[in-house]
Amino acid sequence: MTSPIRKSKQKTIAYVSPRIAMLAVVPALLIITMLSIFPALVNVAMSMTNYDGAFSRIEFVFLENYVNFFKIYGNYTIPSLLTTFKYMALVVIPIQVLAFGAALLVNQKVRGRNFFRSLFFLPTILGIAVVSTSWKLMFDPIDGPFAKLLERFGESSAFLGSESALVYVSIIALWAGFGYSMVIYVAGLAGIDRELYEAAEIDGANKWQIFKSLTLPLMWPVITICLWISLNGTIHMADYIIFTTKGQFGTKTFAYYIYESVIENQVSQGQSAATSIYFTIFVTVIMLLFNRFVKSKEVY
């Protein structure tokens, strides 16, 4: 006699038709197409024309705008790229060190940690114009608080008007941006099982050994994400330079250089589109090199 078949108590997933699944994806694809792919294709097409934004006749010039970029701006492209790399060195790694240190600090079970979390994150939600104007007042070489402090030691500085202006712009970027990465690091630290730390302490590991052999390896995926976001944002950053130095005193990065060539030099829309394509290639190369470096350092 055969035993009766028992019904499984496990919930089964209802079968979804591939057509219905494809239809569910259509709205997202349409949004991506309208907001990303279509504008990018239009930009590429525009870069091969002499379109100047007016209702004039549009002519196809193929690669003429790409060649003109080096003829018109070739002498300034390499210096702006070097300035960009300097700016990246001053911001990307220091901002992660500062953010990670702040995350470790506010992750401790101490009174007032929520207050400090909010305090450290506050600069991130302020507008770029507010941040830049506030720091310009602080870096005022005559009446600014830093100038008054240097006077007490018999020193003086032009700050944003000196040869070290890029350093001071980097300080502004550090102050305004480290809170964003700090929040991500706090979330990453909260996801680490406390039992791992307890086991390490039982084995006699000190705080440095725990940080080096436990916290850092487990936080590496989070660190990679924060580095990627910071690197991408730093390459594109031109706002603080626009509001503070206007590209003077050695602060003309590639992003600002493109802004200046498009806005102030009044080049055609076609030339502007070609310039943006060069910037896209530059960013893509940097991010691909970064991804390759990260993969070589992955902790398994």
C-alpha atoms as a PDB file:
ATOM      1  CA  MET A   1       0.000   0.000   0.000  1.00  0.00           C
ATOM      2  CA  THR A   2       1.461   3.274  -1.038  1.00  0.00           C
ATOM      3  CA  SER A   3       1.682   6.098   1.437  1.00  0.00           C
ATOM      4  CA  PRO A   4      -0.274   9.277   0.676  1.00  0.00           C
ATOM      5  CA  ILE A   5       1.661  12.162  -0.855  1.00  0.00           C
ATOM      6  CA  ARG A   6       2.215  14.957   1.620  1.00  0.00           C
ATOM      7  CA  LYS A   7       1.902  18.528   0.496  1.00  0.00           C
ATOM      8  CA  SER A   8       5.016  20.596   0.894  1.00  0.00           C
ATOM      9  CA  LYS A   9       4.754  23.450   3.394  1.00  0.00           C
ATOM     10  CA  GLN A  10       7.335  25.484   1.483  1.00  0.00           C
ATOM     11  CA  LYS A  11       6.004  28.401  -0.497  1.00  0.00           C
ATOM     12  CA  THR A  12       6.483  28.114  -4.214  1.00  0.00           C
ATOM     13  CA  ILE A  13       7.241  31.031  -6.510  1.00  0.00           C
ATOM     14  CA  ALA A  14       4.537  31.679  -9.040  1.00  0.00           C
ATOM     15  CA  TYR A  15       5.608  31.274 -12.652  1.00  0.00           C
ATOM     16  CA  VAL A  16       6.014  34.559 -14.443  1.00  0.00           C
ATOM     17  CA  SER A  17       5.760  34.711 -18.185  1.00  0.00           C
ATOM     18  CA  PRO A  18       8.916  36.022 -19.905  1.00  0.00           C
ATOM     19  CA  ARG A  19       6.736  38.483 -21.795  1.00  0.00           C
ATOM     20  CA  ILE A  20       5.356  39.929 -18.572  1.00  0.00           C
ATOM     21  CA  ALA A  21       8.894  40.143 -17.135  1.00  0.00           C
ATOM     22  CA  MET A  22      10.081  42.001 -20.212  1.00  0.00           C
ATOM     23  CA  LEU A  23       7.137  44.394 -20.017  1.00  0.00           C
ATOM     24  CA  ALA A  24       8.007  45.116 -16.368  1.00  0.00           C
ATOM     25  CA  VAL A  25      11.504  46.166 -17.413  1.00  0.00           C
ATOM     26  CA  VAL A  26      10.312  48.444 -20.221  1.00  0.00           C
ATOM     27  CA  PRO A  27       9.610  51.553 -18.049  1.00  0.00           C
ATOM     28  CA  ALA A  28      13.118  51.462 -16.572  1.00  0.00           C
ATOM     29  CA  LEU A  29      14.666  50.997 -20.007  1.00  0.00           C
ATOM     30  CA  LEU A  30      12.681  53.930 -21.366  1.00  0.00           C
ATOM     31  CA  ILE A  31      13.835  56.179 -18.534  1.00  0.00           C
ATOM     32  CA  ILE A  32      17.481  55.153 -18.988  1.00  0.00           C
ATOM     33  CA  THR A  33      17.189  55.681 -22.727  1.00  0.00           C
ATOM     34  CA  MET A  34      15.614  59.123 -22.427  1.00  0.00           C
ATOM     35  CA  LEU A  35      17.919  60.399 -19.677  1.00  0.00           C
ATOM     36  CA  SER A  36      21.230  58.764 -20.600  1.00  0.00           C
ATOM     37  CA  ILE A  37      21.558  56.938 -23.889  1.00  0.00           C
ATOM     38  CA  PHE A  38      19.606  59.308 -26.139  1.00  0.00           C
ATOM     39  CA  PRO A  39      21.339  62.497 -24.884  1.00  0.00           C
ATOM     40  CA  ALA A  40      24.723  60.779 -25.258  1.00  0.00           C
ATOM     41  CA  LEU A  41      23.973  59.830 -28.875  1.00  0.00           C
ATOM     42  CA  VAL A  42      22.741  63.353 -29.606  1.00  0.00           C
ATOM     43  CA  ASN A  43      25.944  64.742 -28.095  1.00  0.00           C
ATOM     44  CA  VAL A  44      28.101  62.501 -30.307  1.00  0.00           C
ATOM     45  CA  ALA A  45      26.123  63.519 -33.390  1.00  0.00           C
ATOM     46  CA  MET A  46      26.348  67.206 -32.455  1.00  0.00           C
ATOM     47  CA  SER A  47      30.124  66.953 -31.999  1.00  0.00           C
ATOM     48  CA  MET A  48      30.419  66.227 -35.723  1.00  0.00           C
ATOM     49  CA  THR A  49      28.547  69.362 -36.798  1.00  0.00           C
ATOM     50  CA  ASN A  50      29.122  73.119 -36.759  1.00  0.00           C
ATOM     51  CA  TYR A  51      25.954  73.750 -34.732  1.00  0.00           C
ATOM     52  CA  ASP A  52      26.296  76.993 -32.743  1.00  0.00           C
ATOM     53  CA  GLY A  53      22.993  77.026 -30.870  1.00  0.00           C
ATOM     54  CA  ALA A  54      21.279  79.408 -33.246  1.00  0.00           C
ATOM     55  CA  PHE A  55      18.876  78.753 -36.103  1.00  0.00           C
ATOM     56  CA  SER A  56      21.655  78.696 -38.638  1.00  0.00           C
ATOM     57  CA  ARG A  57      22.300  75.992 -41.157  1.00  0.00           C
ATOM     58  CA  ILE A  58      23.860  72.876 -39.642  1.00  0.00           C
ATOM     59  CA  GLU A  59      26.686  71.318 -41.607  1.00  0.00           C
ATOM     60  CA  PHE A  60      28.355  67.966 -41.015  1.00  0.00           C
ATOM     61  CA  VAL A  61      32.098  68.508 -40.327  1.00  0.00           C
ATOM     62  CA  PHE A  62      32.970  64.939 -39.214  1.00  0.00           C
ATOM     63  CA  LEU A  63      36.132  65.074 -36.998  1.00  0.00           C
ATOM     64  CA  GLU A  64      36.972  68.736 -37.510  1.00  0.00           C
ATOM     65  CA  ASN A  65      35.881  69.722 -33.975  1.00  0.00           C
ATOM     66  CA  TYR A  66      38.043  66.994 -32.460  1.00  0.00           C
ATOM     67  CA  VAL A  67      41.083  68.230 -34.369  1.00  0.00           C
ATOM     68  CA  ASN A  68      40.330  71.860 -33.516  1.00  0.00           C
ATOM     69  CA  PHE A  69      40.347  71.001 -29.840  1.00  0.00           C
ATOM     70  CA  PHE A  70      44.105  70.437 -29.961  1.00  0.00           C
ATOM     71  CA  LYS A  71      44.683  73.403 -32.253  1.00  0.00           C
ATOM     72  CA  ILE A  72      42.787  75.815 -30.011  1.00  0.00           C
ATOM     73  CA  TYR A  73      43.400  74.384 -26.547  1.00  0.00           C
ATOM     74  CA  GLY A  74      46.326  72.014 -27.027  1.00  0.00           C
ATOM     75  CA  ASN A  75      48.798  74.155 -25.078  1.00  0.00           C
ATOM     76  CA  TYR A  76      46.510  74.148 -22.033  1.00  0.00           C
ATOM     77  CA  THR A  77      45.262  70.561 -22.032  1.00  0.00           C
ATOM     78  CA  ILE A  78      48.357  68.896 -20.521  1.00  0.00           C
ATOM     79  CA  PRO A  79      48.725  71.451 -17.676  1.00  0.00           C
ATOM     80  CA  SER A  80      45.035  71.048 -16.819  1.00  0.00           C
ATOM     81  CA  LEU A  81      45.425  67.255 -16.739  1.00  0.00           C
ATOM     82  CA  LEU A  82      48.426  67.558 -14.405  1.00  0.00           C
ATOM     83  CA  THR A  83      46.443  69.885 -12.149  1.00  0.00           C
ATOM     84  CA  THR A  84      43.619  67.345 -12.105  1.00  0.00           C
ATOM     85  CA  PHE A  85      45.976  64.591 -10.963  1.00  0.00           C
ATOM     86  CA  LYS A  86      47.350  66.870  -8.222  1.00  0.00           C
ATOM     87  CA  TYR A  87      43.832  67.661  -7.108  1.00  0.00           C
ATOM     88  CA  MET A  88      42.959  63.955  -7.044  1.00  0.00           C
ATOM     89  CA  ALA A  89      46.023  63.222  -4.911  1.00  0.00           C
ATOM     90  CA  LEU A  90      45.047  65.969  -2.471  1.00  0.00           C
ATOM     91  CA  VAL A  91      41.432  64.860  -2.139  1.00  0.00           C
ATOM     92  CA  VAL A  92      40.676  61.207  -2.945  1.00  0.00           C
ATOM     93  CA  ILE A  93      42.851  59.366  -0.391  1.00  0.00           C
ATOM     94  CA  PRO A  94      42.788  62.051   2.369  1.00  0.00           C
ATOM     95  CA  ILE A  95      38.995  62.277   2.262  1.00  0.00           C
ATOM     96  CA  GLN A  96      38.704  58.504   2.718  1.00  0.00           C
ATOM     97  CA  VAL A  97      41.160  58.484   5.616  1.00  0.00           C
ATOM     98  CA  LEU A  98      39.248  61.333   7.264  1.00  0.00           C
ATOM     99  CA  ALA A  99      35.861  59.713   6.621  1.00  0.00           C
ATOM    100  CA  PHE A 100      36.974  56.279   7.838  1.00  0.00           C
ATOM    101  CA  GLY A 101      38.511  57.773  10.973  1.00  0.00           C
ATOM    102  CA  ALA A 102      35.326  59.726  11.685  1.00  0.00           C
ATOM    103  CA  ALA A 103      33.256  56.576  11.123  1.00  0.00           C
ATOM    104  CA  LEU A 104      35.376  54.628  13.618  1.00  0.00           C
ATOM    105  CA  LEU A 105      34.958  57.482  16.096  1.00  0.00           C
ATOM    106  CA  VAL A 106      31.172  57.812  15.854  1.00  0.00           C
ATOM    107  CA  ASN A 107      30.771  54.025  15.787  1.00  0.00           C
ATOM    108  CA  GLN A 108      31.948  53.817  19.392  1.00  0.00           C
ATOM    109  CA  LYS A 109      29.329  53.394  22.112  1.00  0.00           C
ATOM    110  CA  VAL A 110      29.792  56.817  23.649  1.00  0.00           C
ATOM    111  CA  ARG A 111      27.366  59.536  24.653  1.00  0.00           C
ATOM    112  CA  GLY A 112      26.566  62.043  21.936  1.00  0.00           C
ATOM    113  CA  ARG A 113      27.676  59.918  18.981  1.00  0.00           C
ATOM    114  CA  ASN A 114      24.457  60.699  17.080  1.00  0.00           C
ATOM    115  CA  PHE A 115      25.186  64.395  17.536  1.00  0.00           C
ATOM    116  CA  PHE A 116      28.659  64.001  16.039  1.00  0.00           C
ATOM    117  CA  ARG A 117      27.280  61.910  13.175  1.00  0.00           C
ATOM    118  CA  SER A 118      24.932  64.757  12.306  1.00  0.00           C
ATOM    119  CA  LEU A 119      27.663  67.341  12.803  1.00  0.00           C
ATOM    120  CA  PHE A 120      30.114  65.570  10.489  1.00  0.00           C
ATOM    121  CA  PHE A 121      27.432  64.997   7.848  1.00  0.00           C
ATOM    122  CA  LEU A 122      26.112  68.590   7.960  1.00  0.00           C
ATOM    123  CA  PRO A 123      28.599  70.050   5.407  1.00  0.00           C
ATOM    124  CA  THR A 124      27.446  67.482   2.844  1.00  0.00           C
ATOM    125  CA  ILE A 125      23.900  68.850   2.715  1.00  0.00           C
ATOM    126  CA  LEU A 126      24.986  72.478   2.407  1.00  0.00           C
ATOM    127  CA  GLY A 127      24.966  74.019  -1.041  1.00  0.00           C
ATOM    128  CA  ILE A 128      28.225  74.418  -2.920  1.00  0.00           C
ATOM    129  CA  ALA A 129      27.687  78.170  -3.147  1.00  0.00           C
ATOM    130  CA  VAL A 130      27.186  78.401   0.636  1.00  0.00           C
ATOM    131  CA  VAL A 131      30.269  76.300   1.365  1.00  0.00           C
ATOM    132  CA  SER A 132      32.461  78.185  -1.103  1.00  0.00           C
ATOM    133  CA  THR A 133      31.340  81.620   0.092  1.00  0.00           C
ATOM    134  CA  SER A 134      31.850  80.682   3.741  1.00  0.00           C
ATOM    135  CA  TRP A 135      35.367  79.396   3.133  1.00  0.00           C
ATOM    136  CA  LYS A 136      36.252  82.397   0.978  1.00  0.00           C
ATOM    137  CA  LEU A 137      35.414  84.598   3.964  1.00  0.00           C
ATOM    138  CA  MET A 138      37.505  82.389   6.243  1.00  0.00           C
ATOM    139  CA  PHE A 139      40.420  82.487   3.786  1.00  0.00           C
ATOM    140  CA  ASP A 140      40.180  86.250   3.349  1.00  0.00           C
ATOM    141  CA  PRO A 141      43.831  87.414   3.377  1.00  0.00           C
ATOM    142  CA  ILE A 142      42.976  90.629   5.237  1.00  0.00           C
ATOM    143  CA  ASP A 143      40.073  90.153   7.641  1.00  0.00           C
ATOM    144  CA  GLY A 144      39.678  86.366   7.616  1.00  0.00           C
ATOM    145  CA  PRO A 145      40.137  84.371  10.860  1.00  0.00           C
ATOM    146  CA  PHE A 146      43.048  82.390   9.404  1.00  0.00           C
ATOM    147  CA  ALA A 147      44.787  85.613   8.369  1.00  0.00           C
ATOM    148  CA  LYS A 148      44.327  87.002  11.887  1.00  0.00           C
ATOM    149  CA  LEU A 149      45.742  83.795  13.326  1.00  0.00           C
ATOM    150  CA  LEU A 150      48.837  84.009  11.124  1.00  0.00           C
ATOM    151  CA  GLU A 151      49.332  87.647  12.146  1.00  0.00           C
ATOM    152  CA  ARG A 152      49.842  86.515  15.729  1.00  0.00           C
ATOM    153  CA  PHE A 153      52.857  84.533  14.532  1.00  0.00           C
ATOM    154  CA  GLY A 154      54.114  87.291  12.275  1.00  0.00           C
ATOM    155  CA  GLU A 155      53.133  85.450   9.111  1.00  0.00           C
ATOM    156  CA  SER A 156      50.769  86.176   6.233  1.00  0.00           C
ATOM    157  CA  SER A 157      49.293  84.381   3.243  1.00  0.00           C
ATOM    158  CA  ALA A 158      47.109  85.143   0.261  1.00  0.00           C
ATOM    159  CA  PHE A 159      45.461  81.713   0.680  1.00  0.00           C
ATOM    160  CA  LEU A 160      43.189  81.297  -2.366  1.00  0.00           C
ATOM    161  CA  GLY A 161      45.268  83.908  -4.172  1.00  0.00           C
ATOM    162  CA  SER A 162      48.610  82.196  -3.570  1.00  0.00           C
ATOM    163  CA  GLU A 163      50.556  79.469  -5.348  1.00  0.00           C
ATOM    164  CA  SER A 164      49.095  76.983  -2.851  1.00  0.00           C
ATOM    165  CA  ALA A 165      45.514  77.813  -3.853  1.00  0.00           C
ATOM    166  CA  LEU A 166      44.899  74.238  -5.012  1.00  0.00           C
ATOM    167  CA  VAL A 167      45.686  72.995  -1.508  1.00  0.00           C
ATOM    168  CA  TYR A 168      43.135  75.363   0.023  1.00  0.00           C
ATOM    169  CA  VAL A 169      40.485  74.367  -2.525  1.00  0.00           C
ATOM    170  CA  SER A 170      41.221  70.753  -1.586  1.00  0.00           C
ATOM    171  CA  ILE A 171      40.645  71.596   2.089  1.00  0.00           C
ATOM    172  CA  ILE A 172      37.228  72.965   1.173  1.00  0.00           C
ATOM    173  CA  ALA A 173      36.416  69.796  -0.771  1.00  0.00           C
ATOM    174  CA  LEU A 174      37.596  67.619   2.130  1.00  0.00           C
ATOM    175  CA  TRP A 175      35.486  69.464   4.670  1.00  0.00           C
ATOM    176  CA  ALA A 176      32.398  69.456   2.477  1.00  0.00           C
ATOM    177  CA  GLY A 177      32.600  65.879   1.229  1.00  0.00           C
ATOM    178  CA  PHE A 178      33.967  63.545   3.895  1.00  0.00           C
ATOM    179  CA  GLY A 179      30.593  63.213   5.652  1.00  0.00           C
ATOM    180  CA  TYR A 180      29.079  61.363   2.694  1.00  0.00           C
ATOM    181  CA  SER A 181      31.723  58.634   2.780  1.00  0.00           C
ATOM    182  CA  MET A 182      31.548  58.576   6.576  1.00  0.00           C
ATOM    183  CA  VAL A 183      27.884  57.542   6.478  1.00  0.00           C
ATOM    184  CA  ILE A 184      28.716  54.666   4.113  1.00  0.00           C
ATOM    185  CA  TYR A 185      31.559  53.541   6.369  1.00  0.00           C
ATOM    186  CA  VAL A 186      29.299  53.686   9.440  1.00  0.00           C
ATOM    187  CA  ALA A 187      26.804  51.420   7.674  1.00  0.00           C
ATOM    188  CA  GLY A 188      29.619  49.040   6.735  1.00  0.00           C
ATOM    189  CA  LEU A 189      30.971  48.898  10.284  1.00  0.00           C
ATOM    190  CA  ALA A 190      27.484  48.230  11.632  1.00  0.00           C
ATOM    191  CA  GLY A 191      27.261  45.168   9.385  1.00  0.00           C
ATOM    192  CA  ILE A 192      30.307  43.466  10.922  1.00  0.00           C
ATOM    193  CA  ASP A 193      29.369  40.740  13.402  1.00  0.00           C
ATOM    194  CA  ARG A 194      30.438  41.762  16.917  1.00  0.00           C
ATOM    195  CA  GLU A 195      31.204  38.140  17.746  1.00  0.00           C
ATOM    196  CA  LEU A 196      34.218  38.330  15.436  1.00  0.00           C
ATOM    197  CA  TYR A 197      35.686  41.117  17.538  1.00  0.00           C
ATOM    198  CA  GLU A 198      34.937  39.222  20.751  1.00  0.00           C
ATOM    199  CA  ALA A 199      36.667  36.116  19.387  1.00  0.00           C
ATOM    200  CA  ALA A 200      39.714  38.176  18.371  1.00  0.00           C
ATOM    201  CA  GLU A 201      39.927  39.748  21.831  1.00  0.00           C
ATOM    202  CA  ILE A 202      39.704  36.323  23.461  1.00  0.00           C
ATOM    203  CA  ASP A 203      42.620  35.198  21.273  1.00  0.00           C
ATOM    204  CA  GLY A 204      44.656  38.098  22.666  1.00  0.00           C
ATOM    205  CA  ALA A 205      44.676  40.424  19.661  1.00  0.00           C
ATOM    206  CA  ASN A 206      45.202  44.112  20.410  1.00  0.00           C
ATOM    207  CA  LYS A 207      43.228  46.957  18.822  1.00  0.00           C
ATOM    208  CA  TRP A 208      45.721  47.515  16.010  1.00  0.00           C
ATOM    209  CA  GLN A 209      45.807  43.822  15.114  1.00  0.00           C
ATOM    210  CA  ILE A 210      42.010  43.679  15.111  1.00  0.00           C
ATOM    211  CA  PHE A 211      41.823  46.753  12.890  1.00  0.00           C
ATOM    212  CA  LYS A 212      44.485  45.501  10.471  1.00  0.00           C
ATOM    213  CA  SER A 213      43.472  41.838  10.222  1.00  0.00           C
ATOM    214  CA  LEU A 214      39.724  42.032  10.775  1.00  0.00           C
ATOM    215  CA  THR A 215      38.180  45.443  10.181  1.00  0.00           C
ATOM    216  CA  LEU A 216      40.105  46.441   7.052  1.00  0.00           C
ATOM    217  CA  PRO A 217      39.594  43.163   5.127  1.00  0.00           C
ATOM    218  CA  LEU A 218      35.889  43.086   5.945  1.00  0.00           C
ATOM    219  CA  MET A 219      35.508  46.753   5.024  1.00  0.00           C
ATOM    220  CA  TRP A 220      37.411  46.488   1.744  1.00  0.00           C
ATOM    221  CA  PRO A 221      34.272  46.267  -0.446  1.00  0.00           C
ATOM    222  CA  VAL A 222      32.904  49.389   1.267  1.00  0.00           C
ATOM    223  CA  ILE A 223      36.240  51.168   0.915  1.00  0.00           C
ATOM    224  CA  THR A 224      36.253  50.314  -2.789  1.00  0.00           C
ATOM    225  CA  ILE A 225      32.792  51.842  -3.261  1.00  0.00           C
ATOM    226  CA  CYS A 226      33.748  55.020  -1.407  1.00  0.00           C
ATOM    227  CA  LEU A 227      36.981  55.348  -3.372  1.00  0.00           C
ATOM    228  CA  TRP A 228      35.092  54.911  -6.638  1.00  0.00           C
ATOM    229  CA  ILE A 229      32.526  57.568  -5.728  1.00  0.00           C
ATOM    230  CA  SER A 230      35.194  59.975  -4.466  1.00  0.00           C
ATOM    231  CA  LEU A 231      37.427  59.492  -7.494  1.00  0.00           C
ATOM    232  CA  ASN A 232      34.578  59.989  -9.933  1.00  0.00           C
ATOM    233  CA  GLY A 233      33.352  63.079  -8.092  1.00  0.00           C
ATOM    234  CA  THR A 234      36.819  64.599  -7.845  1.00  0.00           C
ATOM    235  CA  ILE A 235      37.481  64.246 -11.564  1.00  0.00           C
ATOM    236  CA  HIS A 236      34.226  66.054 -12.328  1.00  0.00           C
ATOM    237  CA  MET A 237      34.648  68.679  -9.622  1.00  0.00           C
ATOM    238  CA  ALA A 238      34.769  72.227 -10.923  1.00  0.00           C
ATOM    239  CA  ASP A 239      32.177  73.976  -8.746  1.00  0.00           C
ATOM    240  CA  TYR A 240      34.448  74.916  -5.843  1.00  0.00           C
ATOM    241  CA  ILE A 241      37.037  76.235  -8.284  1.00  0.00           C
ATOM    242  CA  ILE A 242      34.391  78.302 -10.077  1.00  0.00           C
ATOM    243  CA  PHE A 243      33.232  79.912  -6.829  1.00  0.00           C
ATOM    244  CA  THR A 244      36.672  80.432  -5.276  1.00  0.00           C
ATOM    245  CA  THR A 245      39.586  80.919  -7.678  1.00  0.00           C
ATOM    246  CA  LYS A 246      37.976  80.866 -11.146  1.00  0.00           C
ATOM    247  CA  GLY A 247      40.812  78.654 -12.345  1.00  0.00           C
ATOM    248  CA  GLN A 248      43.574  81.086 -11.384  1.00  0.00           C
ATOM    249  CA  PHE A 249      46.713  80.399  -9.334  1.00  0.00           C
ATOM    250  CA  GLY A 250      47.218  76.873 -10.659  1.00  0.00           C
ATOM    251  CA  THR A 251      43.709  75.539  -9.997  1.00  0.00           C
ATOM    252  CA  LYS A 252      42.554  74.996 -13.575  1.00  0.00           C
ATOM    253  CA  THR A 253      41.596  71.312 -13.613  1.00  0.00           C
ATOM    254  CA  PHE A 254      40.431  69.517 -16.740  1.00  0.00           C
ATOM    255  CA  ALA A 255      36.788  69.803 -15.641  1.00  0.00           C
ATOM    256  CA  TYR A 256      37.138  73.538 -15.080  1.00  0.00           C
ATOM    257  CA  TYR A 257      39.079  73.860 -18.315  1.00  0.00           C
ATOM    258  CA  ILE A 258      36.131  72.393 -20.220  1.00  0.00           C
ATOM    259  CA  TYR A 259      33.731  74.724 -18.404  1.00  0.00           C
ATOM    260  CA  GLU A 260      35.909  77.697 -19.303  1.00  0.00           C
ATOM    261  CA  SER A 261      36.324  76.658 -22.939  1.00  0.00           C
ATOM    262  CA  VAL A 262      32.585  76.195 -23.360  1.00  0.00           C
ATOM    263  CA  ILE A 263      31.179  79.093 -21.311  1.00  0.00           C
ATOM    264  CA  GLU A 264      33.775  81.845 -21.425  1.00  0.00           C
ATOM    265  CA  ASN A 265      35.385  81.287 -24.823  1.00  0.00           C
ATOM    266  CA  GLN A 266      32.005  81.089 -26.557  1.00  0.00           C
ATOM    267  CA  VAL A 267      32.875  78.183 -28.833  1.00  0.00           C
ATOM    268  CA  SER A 268      30.221  76.488 -30.926  1.00  0.00           C
ATOM    269  CA  GLN A 269      27.920  73.842 -29.526  1.00  0.00           C
ATOM    270  CA  GLY A 270      29.565  71.306 -31.810  1.00  0.00           C
ATOM    271  CA  GLN A 271      32.999  72.136 -30.431  1.00  0.00           C
ATOM    272  CA  SER A 272      31.624  71.955 -26.889  1.00  0.00           C
ATOM    273  CA  ALA A 273      30.192  68.517 -27.584  1.00  0.00           C
ATOM    274  CA  ALA A 274      33.555  67.312 -28.917  1.00  0.00           C
ATOM    275  CA  THR A 275      35.261  68.675 -25.804  1.00  0.00           C
ATOM    276  CA  SER A 276      32.840  66.780 -23.576  1.00  0.00           C
ATOM    277  CA  ILE A 277      33.613  63.584 -25.505  1.00  0.00           C
ATOM    278  CA  TYR A 278      37.312  64.023 -24.729  1.00  0.00           C
ATOM    279  CA  PHE A 279      36.438  64.488 -21.063  1.00  0.00           C
ATOM    280  CA  THR A 280      34.305  61.337 -21.130  1.00  0.00           C
ATOM    281  CA  ILE A 281      37.221  59.369 -22.583  1.00  0.00           C
ATOM    282  CA  PHE A 282      39.535  60.741 -19.896  1.00  0.00           C
ATOM    283  CA  VAL A 283      37.142  59.791 -17.084  1.00  0.00           C
ATOM    284  CA  THR A 284      36.549  56.333 -18.574  1.00  0.00           C
ATOM    285  CA  VAL A 285      40.277  55.597 -18.778  1.00  0.00           C
ATOM    286  CA  ILE A 286      40.833  56.700 -15.174  1.00  0.00           C
ATOM    287  CA  MET A 287      37.939  54.614 -13.856  1.00  0.00           C
ATOM    288  CA  LEU A 288      39.025  51.529 -15.832  1.00  0.00           C
ATOM    289  CA  LEU A 289      42.534  51.826 -14.409  1.00  0.00           C
ATOM    290  CA  PHE A 290      41.063  52.200 -10.940  1.00  0.00           C
ATOM    291  CA  ASN A 291      38.869  49.107 -11.375  1.00  0.00           C
ATOM    292  CA  ARG A 292      41.887  47.124 -12.547  1.00  0.00           C
ATOM    293  CA  PHE A 293      43.878  48.260  -9.510  1.00  0.00           C
ATOM    294  CA  VAL A 294      41.041  47.366  -7.140  1.00  0.00           C
ATOM    295  CA  LYS A 295      40.692  43.881  -8.619  1.00  0.00           C
ATOM    296  CA  SER A 296      44.405  43.271  -8.067  1.00  0.00           C
ATOM    297  CA  LYS A 297      43.980  44.210  -4.400  1.00  0.00           C
ATOM    298  CA  GLU A 298      40.793  42.296  -3.686  1.00  0.00           C
ATOM    299  CA  VAL A 299      40.770  40.316  -0.457  1.00  0.00           C
ATOM    300  CA  TYR A 300      39.257  36.850  -0.825  1.00  0.00           C
END
